PDB file of N, CA and C in Angstrom:
ATOM      1  N   UNK A   1      -5.546 -12.966   0.153  1.00  0.00           N
ATOM      2  CA  UNK A   1      -4.825 -11.966   0.847  1.00  0.00           C
ATOM      3  C   UNK A   1      -3.732 -11.973   1.216  1.00  0.00           C
ATOM      4  N   UNK A   2      -2.671 -11.094   0.675  1.00  0.00           N
ATOM      5  CA  UNK A   2      -0.942 -10.931   1.360  1.00  0.00           C
ATOM      6  C   UNK A   2      -1.466  -9.859   3.075  1.00  0.00           C
ATOM      7  N   UNK A   3      -0.936 -10.259   3.876  1.00  0.00           N
ATOM      8  CA  UNK A   3      -1.109  -9.005   4.736  1.00  0.00           C
ATOM      9  C   UNK A   3       0.301  -8.910   5.535  1.00  0.00           C
ATOM     10  N   UNK A   4       0.697  -7.593   5.883  1.00  0.00           N
ATOM     11  CA  UNK A   4       1.912  -7.434   5.565  1.00  0.00           C
ATOM     12  C   UNK A   4       1.457  -6.449   8.003  1.00  0.00           C
ATOM     13  N   UNK A   5       3.037  -6.888   8.374  1.00  0.00           N
ATOM     14  CA  UNK A   5       2.500  -6.657   9.835  1.00  0.00           C
ATOM     15  C   UNK A   5       3.580  -4.518   9.690  1.00  0.00           C
ATOM     16  N   UNK A   6       3.113  -4.074  10.114  1.00  0.00           N
ATOM     17  CA  UNK A   6       3.821  -2.547  10.270  1.00  0.00           C
ATOM     18  C   UNK A   6       4.866  -2.774  11.532  1.00  0.00           C
ATOM     19  N   UNK A   7       5.543  -2.042  12.849  1.00  0.00           N
ATOM     20  CA  UNK A   7       6.114  -1.743  13.792  1.00  0.00           C
ATOM     21  C   UNK A   7       5.573  -0.132  13.667  1.00  0.00           C
ATOM     22  N   UNK A   8       5.060   0.502  12.985  1.00  0.00           N
ATOM     23  CA  UNK A   8       4.876   1.969  13.426  1.00  0.00           C
ATOM     24  C   UNK A   8       3.062   1.814  13.588  1.00  0.00           C
ATOM     25  N   UNK A   9       2.851   2.866  14.029  1.00  0.00           N
ATOM     26  CA  UNK A   9       1.989   3.290  13.809  1.00  0.00           C
ATOM     27  C   UNK A   9       1.097   4.160  12.458  1.00  0.00           C
ATOM     28  N   UNK A  10       1.422   4.325  11.590  1.00  0.00           N
ATOM     29  CA  UNK A  10       1.474   4.241  10.062  1.00  0.00           C
ATOM     30  C   UNK A  10       2.360   4.076   9.560  1.00  0.00           C
ATOM     31  N   UNK A  11       1.870   3.414   8.098  1.00  0.00           N
ATOM     32  CA  UNK A  11       3.126   3.787   5.976  1.00  0.00           C
ATOM     33  C   UNK A  11       2.817   4.384   5.782  1.00  0.00           C
ATOM     34  N   UNK A  12       4.007   5.145   4.852  1.00  0.00           N
ATOM     35  CA  UNK A  12       2.847   5.604   4.254  1.00  0.00           C
ATOM     36  C   UNK A  12       2.930   4.342   2.956  1.00  0.00           C
ATOM     37  N   UNK A  13       2.106   5.108   1.880  1.00  0.00           N
ATOM     38  CA  UNK A  13       1.174   4.124   1.203  1.00  0.00           C
ATOM     39  C   UNK A  13       2.166   3.788  -0.116  1.00  0.00           C
ATOM     40  N   UNK A  14       3.023   4.952  -0.810  1.00  0.00           N
ATOM     41  CA  UNK A  14       4.383   4.243  -1.562  1.00  0.00           C
ATOM     42  C   UNK A  14       5.900   3.751  -0.985  1.00  0.00           C
ATOM     43  N   UNK A  15       5.555   3.600   0.475  1.00  0.00           N
ATOM     44  CA  UNK A  15       6.013   2.587   1.662  1.00  0.00           C
ATOM     45  C   UNK A  15       6.285   1.263   1.044  1.00  0.00           C
ATOM     46  N   UNK A  16       4.988   1.018   1.685  1.00  0.00           N
ATOM     47  CA  UNK A  16       4.308   0.104   1.696  1.00  0.00           C
ATOM     48  C   UNK A  16       4.021  -0.507  -0.096  1.00  0.00           C
ATOM     49  N   UNK A  17       3.880  -0.358  -0.602  1.00  0.00           N
ATOM     50  CA  UNK A  17       3.529  -0.663  -1.331  1.00  0.00           C
ATOM     51  C   UNK A  17       5.283  -1.370  -2.460  1.00  0.00           C
ATOM     52  N   UNK A  18       6.043  -1.019  -2.230  1.00  0.00           N
ATOM     53  CA  UNK A  18       7.542  -0.990  -1.908  1.00  0.00           C
ATOM     54  C   UNK A  18       8.204  -2.214  -1.323  1.00  0.00           C
ATOM     55  N   UNK A  19       7.354  -1.960  -0.124  1.00  0.00           N
ATOM     56  CA  UNK A  19       7.135  -3.088   0.622  1.00  0.00           C
ATOM     57  C   UNK A  19       7.436  -4.359   1.069  1.00  0.00           C
ATOM     58  N   UNK A  20       5.854  -4.185   0.279  1.00  0.00           N
ATOM     59  CA  UNK A  20       4.987  -5.462  -0.504  1.00  0.00           C
ATOM     60  C   UNK A  20       5.091  -6.375  -1.461  1.00  0.00           C
ATOM     61  N   UNK A  21       6.562  -5.512  -2.036  1.00  0.00           N
ATOM     62  CA  UNK A  21       7.527  -6.343  -3.336  1.00  0.00           C
ATOM     63  C   UNK A  21       6.057  -5.831  -3.921  1.00  0.00           C
ATOM     64  N   UNK A  22       5.127  -5.887  -4.867  1.00  0.00           N
ATOM     65  CA  UNK A  22       3.810  -4.579  -6.033  1.00  0.00           C
ATOM     66  C   UNK A  22       4.914  -4.351  -6.731  1.00  0.00           C
ATOM     67  N   UNK A  23       6.386  -3.499  -5.991  1.00  0.00           N
ATOM     68  CA  UNK A  23       7.282  -2.531  -7.478  1.00  0.00           C
ATOM     69  C   UNK A  23       8.974  -2.599  -7.192  1.00  0.00           C
ATOM     70  N   UNK A  24      10.052  -2.774  -7.555  1.00  0.00           N
ATOM     71  CA  UNK A  24      11.291  -2.817  -6.841  1.00  0.00           C
ATOM     72  C   UNK A  24      11.466  -0.940  -6.398  1.00  0.00           C
ATOM     73  N   UNK A  25      10.832  -0.314  -7.701  1.00  0.00           N
ATOM     74  CA  UNK A  25      12.105   0.436  -6.507  1.00  0.00           C
ATOM     75  C   UNK A  25      10.246   2.040  -5.998  1.00  0.00           C
ATOM     76  N   UNK A  26      11.141   2.761  -5.116  1.00  0.00           N
ATOM     77  CA  UNK A  26      10.520   3.997  -4.720  1.00  0.00           C
ATOM     78  C   UNK A  26       9.419   5.436  -6.392  1.00  0.00           C
ATOM     79  N   UNK A  27      10.009   5.102  -7.126  1.00  0.00           N
ATOM     80  CA  UNK A  27      10.145   6.129  -8.815  1.00  0.00           C
ATOM     81  C   UNK A  27       8.875   4.794  -8.985  1.00  0.00           C
ATOM     82  N   UNK A  28       8.458   3.517  -9.630  1.00  0.00           N
ATOM     83  CA  UNK A  28       7.607   2.151  -9.976  1.00  0.00           C
ATOM     84  C   UNK A  28       6.192   3.064  -8.793  1.00  0.00           C
ATOM     85  N   UNK A  29       6.597   2.913  -7.295  1.00  0.00           N
ATOM     86  CA  UNK A  29       5.484   2.897  -6.312  1.00  0.00           C
ATOM     87  C   UNK A  29       4.976   4.490  -7.145  1.00  0.00           C
ATOM     88  N   UNK A  30       5.701   5.028  -6.742  1.00  0.00           N
ATOM     89  CA  UNK A  30       5.797   6.460  -6.738  1.00  0.00           C
ATOM     90  C   UNK A  30       3.462   6.262  -8.405  1.00  0.00           C
ATOM     91  N   UNK A  31       4.718   6.614  -9.770  1.00  0.00           N
ATOM     92  CA  UNK A  31       3.858   5.788 -10.375  1.00  0.00           C
ATOM     93  C   UNK A  31       2.569   5.296 -10.431  1.00  0.00           C
ATOM     94  N   UNK A  32       3.200   4.340 -10.033  1.00  0.00           N
ATOM     95  CA  UNK A  32       1.694   3.653 -10.041  1.00  0.00           C
ATOM     96  C   UNK A  32       0.623   4.734  -9.260  1.00  0.00           C
ATOM     97  N   UNK A  33       0.804   4.985  -8.324  1.00  0.00           N
ATOM     98  CA  UNK A  33      -0.291   6.039  -7.770  1.00  0.00           C
ATOM     99  C   UNK A  33      -0.712   6.979  -8.438  1.00  0.00           C
ATOM    100  N   UNK A  34       0.165   8.119  -9.266  1.00  0.00           N
ATOM    101  CA  UNK A  34      -0.110   9.121  -9.973  1.00  0.00           C
ATOM    102  C   UNK A  34      -0.908   8.328 -10.563  1.00  0.00           C
ATOM    103  N   UNK A  35      -0.946   6.691 -11.040  1.00  0.00           N
ATOM    104  CA  UNK A  35      -1.488   6.748 -13.290  1.00  0.00           C
ATOM    105  C   UNK A  35      -3.328   6.068 -12.323  1.00  0.00           C
ATOM    106  N   UNK A  36      -3.437   6.093 -10.570  1.00  0.00           N
ATOM    107  CA  UNK A  36      -4.540   5.718 -10.458  1.00  0.00           C
ATOM    108  C   UNK A  36      -4.720   4.086 -10.426  1.00  0.00           C
ATOM    109  N   UNK A  37      -3.863   3.399 -10.283  1.00  0.00           N
ATOM    110  CA  UNK A  37      -3.816   1.869 -10.657  1.00  0.00           C
ATOM    111  C   UNK A  37      -4.395   0.967  -8.991  1.00  0.00           C
ATOM    112  N   UNK A  38      -3.258   2.046  -8.275  1.00  0.00           N
ATOM    113  CA  UNK A  38      -4.111   2.207  -6.802  1.00  0.00           C
ATOM    114  C   UNK A  38      -4.807   2.092  -6.714  1.00  0.00           C
ATOM    115  N   UNK A  39      -6.083   1.388  -5.325  1.00  0.00           N
ATOM    116  CA  UNK A  39      -7.090   1.723  -4.327  1.00  0.00           C
ATOM    117  C   UNK A  39      -6.598   1.086  -3.177  1.00  0.00           C
ATOM    118  N   UNK A  40      -7.682   2.182  -2.032  1.00  0.00           N
ATOM    119  CA  UNK A  40      -7.275   2.373  -0.356  1.00  0.00           C
ATOM    120  C   UNK A  40      -8.218   1.976  -0.267  1.00  0.00           C
ATOM    121  N   UNK A  41      -8.796   1.158   0.517  1.00  0.00           N
ATOM    122  CA  UNK A  41      -9.856   0.312   0.798  1.00  0.00           C
ATOM    123  C   UNK A  41     -11.005   1.504   0.019  1.00  0.00           C
ATOM    124  N   UNK A  42     -11.185   0.528  -1.120  1.00  0.00           N
ATOM    125  CA  UNK A  42     -11.799   0.303  -1.968  1.00  0.00           C
ATOM    126  C   UNK A  42     -11.770   1.532  -3.131  1.00  0.00           C
ATOM    127  N   UNK A  43     -10.838   2.843  -2.774  1.00  0.00           N
ATOM    128  CA  UNK A  43     -10.892   3.793  -3.505  1.00  0.00           C
ATOM    129  C   UNK A  43     -10.316   4.497  -4.085  1.00  0.00           C
ATOM    130  N   UNK A  44      -9.824   4.589  -5.015  1.00  0.00           N
ATOM    131  CA  UNK A  44      -8.978   4.965  -6.200  1.00  0.00           C
ATOM    132  C   UNK A  44      -7.967   6.189  -5.022  1.00  0.00           C
ATOM    133  N   UNK A  45      -6.365   6.269  -4.899  1.00  0.00           N
ATOM    134  CA  UNK A  45      -5.931   6.551  -3.779  1.00  0.00           C
ATOM    135  C   UNK A  45      -4.634   7.354  -5.286  1.00  0.00           C
ATOM    136  N   UNK A  46      -4.676   8.931  -5.170  1.00  0.00           N
ATOM    137  CA  UNK A  46      -3.936   9.973  -6.254  1.00  0.00           C
ATOM    138  C   UNK A  46      -2.254   9.892  -5.186  1.00  0.00           C
ATOM    139  N   UNK A  47      -2.846  10.215  -3.893  1.00  0.00           N
ATOM    140  CA  UNK A  47      -1.643  10.274  -2.452  1.00  0.00           C
ATOM    141  C   UNK A  47      -0.467  10.002  -2.305  1.00  0.00           C
ATOM    142  N   UNK A  48       0.792   9.356  -2.724  1.00  0.00           N
ATOM    143  CA  UNK A  48       1.648   9.624  -2.878  1.00  0.00           C
ATOM    144  C   UNK A  48       2.080   9.200  -0.975  1.00  0.00           C
ATOM    145  N   UNK A  49       1.369   9.548   0.266  1.00  0.00           N
ATOM    146  CA  UNK A  49       2.403   9.454   1.183  1.00  0.00           C
ATOM    147  C   UNK A  49       1.107   9.118   1.838  1.00  0.00           C
ATOM    148  N   UNK A  50       0.349   9.480   1.640  1.00  0.00           N
ATOM    149  CA  UNK A  50      -0.782   8.729   2.070  1.00  0.00           C
ATOM    150  C   UNK A  50      -0.649   7.623   3.772  1.00  0.00           C
ATOM    151  N   UNK A  51      -0.900   8.103   4.407  1.00  0.00           N
ATOM    152  CA  UNK A  51      -1.247   7.567   6.011  1.00  0.00           C
ATOM    153  C   UNK A  51      -1.775   6.252   5.849  1.00  0.00           C
ATOM    154  N   UNK A  52      -0.840   5.025   5.766  1.00  0.00           N
ATOM    155  CA  UNK A  52      -2.010   3.352   6.359  1.00  0.00           C
ATOM    156  C   UNK A  52      -1.700   2.581   7.447  1.00  0.00           C
ATOM    157  N   UNK A  53      -3.238   3.057   7.705  1.00  0.00           N
ATOM    158  CA  UNK A  53      -3.264   2.032   9.266  1.00  0.00           C
ATOM    159  C   UNK A  53      -2.913   1.299   9.112  1.00  0.00           C
ATOM    160  N   UNK A  54      -2.954   0.416  10.934  1.00  0.00           N
ATOM    161  CA  UNK A  54      -3.746  -1.084  10.394  1.00  0.00           C
ATOM    162  C   UNK A  54      -5.182  -1.650  10.577  1.00  0.00           C
ATOM    163  N   UNK A  55      -5.890  -2.756   9.500  1.00  0.00           N
ATOM    164  CA  UNK A  55      -6.851  -2.356   9.320  1.00  0.00           C
ATOM    165  C   UNK A  55      -6.570  -1.880   7.702  1.00  0.00           C
ATOM    166  N   UNK A  56      -6.332  -1.021   7.178  1.00  0.00           N
ATOM    167  CA  UNK A  56      -6.361  -0.362   5.912  1.00  0.00           C
ATOM    168  C   UNK A  56      -6.215  -1.746   5.077  1.00  0.00           C
ATOM    169  N   UNK A  57      -7.414  -1.514   4.005  1.00  0.00           N
ATOM    170  CA  UNK A  57      -7.116  -2.740   2.903  1.00  0.00           C
ATOM    171  C   UNK A  57      -5.679  -1.287   1.790  1.00  0.00           C
ATOM    172  N   UNK A  58      -5.240  -2.039   0.557  1.00  0.00           N
ATOM    173  CA  UNK A  58      -4.660  -1.439  -0.944  1.00  0.00           C
ATOM    174  C   UNK A  58      -4.928  -2.856  -1.384  1.00  0.00           C
ATOM    175  N   UNK A  59      -4.965  -1.556  -3.040  1.00  0.00           N
ATOM    176  CA  UNK A  59      -5.246  -3.063  -3.267  1.00  0.00           C
ATOM    177  C   UNK A  59      -4.020  -2.045  -4.818  1.00  0.00           C
ATOM    178  N   UNK A  60      -3.468  -3.233  -6.217  1.00  0.00           N
ATOM    179  CA  UNK A  60      -3.288  -2.874  -7.054  1.00  0.00           C
ATOM    180  C   UNK A  60      -4.024  -3.819  -8.130  1.00  0.00           C
ATOM    181  N   UNK A  61      -3.973  -2.737  -9.381  1.00  0.00           N
ATOM    182  CA  UNK A  61      -4.955  -2.981 -10.305  1.00  0.00           C
ATOM    183  C   UNK A  61      -4.842  -3.716 -11.591  1.00  0.00           C
ATOM    184  N   UNK A  62      -3.821  -3.645 -11.897  1.00  0.00           N
ATOM    185  CA  UNK A  62      -2.618  -3.817 -12.642  1.00  0.00           C
ATOM    186  C   UNK A  62      -2.043  -4.900 -12.122  1.00  0.00           C
ATOM    187  N   UNK A  63      -1.983  -4.997 -11.050  1.00  0.00           N
ATOM    188  CA  UNK A  63      -1.294  -7.108 -10.720  1.00  0.00           C
ATOM    189  C   UNK A  63      -2.211  -7.345 -10.038  1.00  0.00           C
ATOM    190  N   UNK A  64      -3.191  -6.964  -9.862  1.00  0.00           N
ATOM    191  CA  UNK A  64      -4.816  -7.868  -8.989  1.00  0.00           C
ATOM    192  C   UNK A  64      -4.123  -8.396  -7.604  1.00  0.00           C
ATOM    193  N   UNK A  65      -3.450  -7.289  -7.068  1.00  0.00           N
ATOM    194  CA  UNK A  65      -3.178  -8.407  -5.357  1.00  0.00           C
ATOM    195  C   UNK A  65      -3.964  -7.452  -4.157  1.00  0.00           C
ATOM    196  N   UNK A  66      -3.706  -7.427  -3.024  1.00  0.00           N
ATOM    197  CA  UNK A  66      -4.808  -6.750  -2.236  1.00  0.00           C
ATOM    198  C   UNK A  66      -3.936  -6.653  -0.579  1.00  0.00           C
ATOM    199  N   UNK A  67      -4.093  -5.993   0.381  1.00  0.00           N
ATOM    200  CA  UNK A  67      -2.545  -6.688   0.941  1.00  0.00           C
ATOM    201  C   UNK A  67      -4.423  -5.603   2.266  1.00  0.00           C
ATOM    202  N   UNK A  68      -4.415  -6.650   3.663  1.00  0.00           N
ATOM    203  CA  UNK A  68      -4.388  -5.772   4.838  1.00  0.00           C
ATOM    204  C   UNK A  68      -3.811  -5.177   5.224  1.00  0.00           C
ATOM    205  N   UNK A  69      -2.998  -5.161   6.323  1.00  0.00           N
ATOM    206  CA  UNK A  69      -2.499  -4.034   7.237  1.00  0.00           C
ATOM    207  C   UNK A  69      -2.545  -4.434   8.531  1.00  0.00           C
ATOM    208  N   UNK A  70      -1.422  -5.094   9.337  1.00  0.00           N
ATOM    209  CA  UNK A  70      -1.544  -5.323  10.230  1.00  0.00           C
ATOM    210  C   UNK A  70      -0.625  -4.314  11.331  1.00  0.00           C
ATOM    211  N   UNK A  71      -1.482  -4.210  12.986  1.00  0.00           N
ATOM    212  CA  UNK A  71      -0.627  -3.601  13.120  1.00  0.00           C
ATOM    213  C   UNK A  71       0.544  -5.117  15.023  1.00  0.00           C
ATOM    214  N   UNK A  72       1.637  -4.483  14.755  1.00  0.00           N
ATOM    215  CA  UNK A  72       2.148  -5.639  15.276  1.00  0.00           C
ATOM    216  C   UNK A  72       1.665  -6.306  16.505  1.00  0.00           C
ATOM    217  N   UNK A  73       2.186  -7.547  16.552  1.00  0.00           N
ATOM    218  CA  UNK A  73       1.737  -8.014  18.307  1.00  0.00           C
ATOM    219  C   UNK A  73       2.876  -8.085  18.598  1.00  0.00           C
ATOM    220  N   UNK A  74       2.545  -7.755  20.022  1.00  0.00           N
ATOM    221  CA  UNK A  74       3.690  -7.512  21.378  1.00  0.00           C
ATOM    222  C   UNK A  74       3.656  -8.364  22.277  1.00  0.00           C
TER     223      UNK A  74
END
């Protein structure tokens, strides 16, 4: 499982998918979400701008990838 640290309180789902390198651009990220391929904490998520907070898990079916969001240690 991949881990990604963020520097803010949360990150939008479509931005996270792009940051993780699962897609090349924002339109691909939005398409994956719209098609129901993305899960947040085991539930299909269709909201592109859903706020993802540290500790949440995100996975994408078509790539069989998963990640956990971590807060940046200070």
